[in-house]
Amino acid sequence: MNNDPLVIEAKEIRQAAEELLLSSLFEYQGEAVGTRAALSASIAAENYADCFIRDSVPSALVFLLQGRSEIVRNF
């Protein structure tokens, strides 16, 4: 077991990022179809096309690397 503080911190950061990514998923008819560009409902999405590219592409890459292509297929 590695007790290096940097390794422990990296694992905590990755776990927090994973939790945020999963909390940003939204579903349609019971299937994950994408991720929200923002978790705040008070912010207007006037630049939705820019947000889609900026936020969905990195999310899709993470899901593909995790072998979860079914989510990406529904984007």
C-alpha atoms as a PDB file:
ATOM      1  CA  MET A   1       0.000   0.000   0.000  1.00  0.00           C
ATOM      2  CA  ASN A   2       1.300   3.433  -0.946  1.00  0.00           C
ATOM      3  CA  ASN A   3       1.163   5.999   1.848  1.00  0.00           C
ATOM      4  CA  ASP A   4       2.663   8.818  -0.241  1.00  0.00           C
ATOM      5  CA  PRO A   5       0.586  11.972   0.462  1.00  0.00           C
ATOM      6  CA  LEU A   6       0.623  12.938  -3.226  1.00  0.00           C
ATOM      7  CA  VAL A   7      -0.770   9.560  -4.265  1.00  0.00           C
ATOM      8  CA  ILE A   8      -3.457   9.761  -1.580  1.00  0.00           C
ATOM      9  CA  GLU A   9      -4.365  13.317  -2.636  1.00  0.00           C
ATOM     10  CA  ALA A  10      -4.546  12.305  -6.299  1.00  0.00           C
ATOM     11  CA  LYS A  11      -6.921   9.449  -5.430  1.00  0.00           C
ATOM     12  CA  GLU A  12      -9.135  11.832  -3.437  1.00  0.00           C
ATOM     13  CA  ILE A  13      -9.207  14.333  -6.303  1.00  0.00           C
ATOM     14  CA  ARG A  14     -10.083  11.582  -8.785  1.00  0.00           C
ATOM     15  CA  GLN A  15     -12.847  10.297  -6.513  1.00  0.00           C
ATOM     16  CA  ALA A  16     -14.299  13.810  -6.123  1.00  0.00           C
ATOM     17  CA  ALA A  17     -14.155  14.349  -9.897  1.00  0.00           C
ATOM     18  CA  GLU A  18     -15.899  11.004 -10.484  1.00  0.00           C
ATOM     19  CA  GLU A  19     -18.672  11.963  -8.054  1.00  0.00           C
ATOM     20  CA  LEU A  20     -19.172  15.330  -9.785  1.00  0.00           C
ATOM     21  CA  LEU A  21     -19.258  13.689 -13.205  1.00  0.00           C
ATOM     22  CA  LEU A  22     -21.830  11.129 -12.096  1.00  0.00           C
ATOM     23  CA  SER A  23     -23.957  13.828 -10.441  1.00  0.00           C
ATOM     24  CA  SER A  24     -23.995  15.753 -13.734  1.00  0.00           C
ATOM     25  CA  LEU A  25     -25.551  12.854 -15.683  1.00  0.00           C
ATOM     26  CA  PHE A  26     -29.120  13.284 -16.777  1.00  0.00           C
ATOM     27  CA  GLU A  27     -31.494  10.628 -17.969  1.00  0.00           C
ATOM     28  CA  TYR A  28     -34.251  10.258 -20.507  1.00  0.00           C
ATOM     29  CA  GLN A  29     -36.590   7.280 -20.231  1.00  0.00           C
ATOM     30  CA  GLY A  30     -34.289   5.687 -17.676  1.00  0.00           C
ATOM     31  CA  GLU A  31     -31.077   5.904 -19.725  1.00  0.00           C
ATOM     32  CA  ALA A  32     -28.193   8.308 -19.223  1.00  0.00           C
ATOM     33  CA  VAL A  33     -28.141  10.584 -22.274  1.00  0.00           C
ATOM     34  CA  GLY A  34     -25.556  13.200 -21.369  1.00  0.00           C
ATOM     35  CA  THR A  35     -24.105  15.480 -18.760  1.00  0.00           C
ATOM     36  CA  ARG A  36     -25.271  18.875 -17.627  1.00  0.00           C
ATOM     37  CA  ALA A  37     -23.082  21.796 -18.641  1.00  0.00           C
ATOM     38  CA  ALA A  38     -23.669  23.339 -15.229  1.00  0.00           C
ATOM     39  CA  LEU A  39     -25.156  22.064 -12.003  1.00  0.00           C
ATOM     40  CA  SER A  40     -26.576  25.486 -11.142  1.00  0.00           C
ATOM     41  CA  ALA A  41     -30.103  26.077 -12.396  1.00  0.00           C
ATOM     42  CA  SER A  42     -29.709  29.825 -11.883  1.00  0.00           C
ATOM     43  CA  ILE A  43     -27.215  30.266 -14.739  1.00  0.00           C
ATOM     44  CA  ALA A  44     -28.667  30.800 -18.218  1.00  0.00           C
ATOM     45  CA  ALA A  45     -27.229  28.602 -20.960  1.00  0.00           C
ATOM     46  CA  GLU A  46     -27.106  31.219 -23.715  1.00  0.00           C
ATOM     47  CA  ASN A  47     -24.033  29.618 -25.266  1.00  0.00           C
ATOM     48  CA  TYR A  48     -25.327  26.049 -25.216  1.00  0.00           C
ATOM     49  CA  ALA A  49     -23.400  24.960 -28.343  1.00  0.00           C
ATOM     50  CA  ASP A  50     -20.122  26.094 -26.800  1.00  0.00           C
ATOM     51  CA  CYS A  51     -20.990  24.411 -23.499  1.00  0.00           C
ATOM     52  CA  PHE A  52     -21.841  21.158 -25.269  1.00  0.00           C
ATOM     53  CA  ILE A  53     -18.416  20.931 -26.886  1.00  0.00           C
ATOM     54  CA  ARG A  54     -16.546  22.187 -23.825  1.00  0.00           C
ATOM     55  CA  ASP A  55     -18.294  19.911 -21.327  1.00  0.00           C
ATOM     56  CA  SER A  56     -19.683  16.908 -23.175  1.00  0.00           C
ATOM     57  CA  VAL A  57     -16.593  15.953 -25.144  1.00  0.00           C
ATOM     58  CA  PRO A  58     -14.337  15.586 -22.061  1.00  0.00           C
ATOM     59  CA  SER A  59     -17.129  13.726 -20.243  1.00  0.00           C
ATOM     60  CA  ALA A  60     -17.578  11.418 -23.210  1.00  0.00           C
ATOM     61  CA  LEU A  61     -13.854  10.692 -23.290  1.00  0.00           C
ATOM     62  CA  VAL A  62     -13.875   9.774 -19.591  1.00  0.00           C
ATOM     63  CA  PHE A  63     -16.816   7.412 -20.089  1.00  0.00           C
ATOM     64  CA  LEU A  64     -15.136   5.820 -23.123  1.00  0.00           C
ATOM     65  CA  LEU A  65     -11.919   5.288 -21.163  1.00  0.00           C
ATOM     66  CA  GLN A  66     -13.987   3.638 -18.430  1.00  0.00           C
ATOM     67  CA  GLY A  67     -15.585   1.309 -20.988  1.00  0.00           C
ATOM     68  CA  ARG A  68     -19.026   2.912 -20.539  1.00  0.00           C
ATOM     69  CA  SER A  69     -19.761   3.502 -24.221  1.00  0.00           C
ATOM     70  CA  GLU A  70     -23.523   3.048 -23.715  1.00  0.00           C
ATOM     71  CA  ILE A  71     -23.671   6.499 -22.112  1.00  0.00           C
ATOM     72  CA  VAL A  72     -21.693   8.114 -24.936  1.00  0.00           C
ATOM     73  CA  ARG A  73     -23.870   6.418 -27.539  1.00  0.00           C
ATOM     74  CA  ASN A  74     -26.860   8.283 -26.103  1.00  0.00           C
ATOM     75  CA  PHE A  75     -25.259  11.755 -26.073  1.00  0.00           C
END
